[in-house]
């Protein structure tokens, strides 16, 4: 039991760093990739099919 208690602060610190990395780095990067990819797909579609018409 002692080794588990000794690892708790270290594990808590590691989980906090992982959470901050995911929220501050990965979510914005993935958002930019998704939005940019969608914009690229629309752009390529319009190059092939022409601009939208009424």
Protein backbone atom coordinates (compact mmCIF):
# COMPACT_ATOMS: atom_id res chain seq x y z
CA UNK A 1 0.00 0.00 0.00
CA UNK A 2 2.87 2.37 0.72
CA UNK A 3 4.11 2.41 -2.86
CA UNK A 4 0.64 3.30 -4.14
CA UNK A 5 0.40 6.22 -1.71
CA UNK A 6 3.88 7.40 -2.73
CA UNK A 7 2.90 7.49 -6.43
CA UNK A 8 -0.33 9.43 -5.97
CA UNK A 9 1.19 12.96 -6.09
CA UNK A 10 3.33 12.01 -9.09
CA UNK A 11 0.40 10.43 -10.88
CA UNK A 12 -1.82 13.41 -10.09
CA UNK A 13 0.81 15.76 -11.53
CA UNK A 14 1.12 13.60 -14.66
CA UNK A 15 -2.65 13.55 -15.14
CA UNK A 16 -2.81 17.33 -14.75
CA UNK A 17 -0.08 17.81 -17.37
CA UNK A 18 -1.85 15.39 -19.71
CA UNK A 19 -5.15 17.23 -19.27
CA UNK A 20 -3.54 20.62 -19.90
CA UNK A 21 -1.75 19.30 -22.99
CA UNK A 22 -4.97 17.87 -24.40
CA UNK A 23 -7.05 20.99 -23.73
CA UNK A 24 -4.46 23.64 -24.61
CA UNK A 25 -2.71 21.96 -27.54
CA UNK A 26 -4.57 19.03 -29.06
CA UNK A 27 -8.13 20.41 -29.13
CA UNK A 28 -7.15 23.64 -30.95
CA UNK A 29 -4.90 21.76 -33.38
CA UNK A 30 -7.61 19.22 -34.19
CA UNK A 31 -10.17 22.02 -34.59
CA UNK A 32 -7.96 23.82 -37.12
CA UNK A 33 -7.37 20.57 -39.00
CA UNK A 34 -11.09 19.73 -39.17
CA UNK A 35 -12.19 23.22 -40.25
CA UNK A 36 -9.32 23.57 -42.70
CA UNK A 37 -10.01 20.14 -44.16
CA UNK A 38 -13.68 20.96 -44.65
CA UNK A 39 -12.79 24.26 -46.33
CA UNK A 40 -10.34 22.46 -48.59
CA UNK A 41 -12.97 19.88 -49.56
CA UNK A 42 -15.49 22.62 -50.40
CA UNK A 43 -12.86 24.48 -52.42
CA UNK A 44 -11.92 21.33 -54.39
CA UNK A 45 -15.59 20.51 -54.97
CA UNK A 46 -16.22 23.99 -56.34
CA UNK A 47 -13.16 23.75 -58.61
CA UNK A 48 -14.65 20.60 -60.15
CA UNK A 49 -18.35 21.46 -60.22
CA UNK A 50 -18.22 25.25 -60.50
CA UNK A 51 -19.55 27.90 -58.16
CA UNK A 52 -22.93 27.47 -56.51
CA UNK A 53 -25.87 28.79 -58.48
CA UNK A 54 -29.29 30.00 -57.34
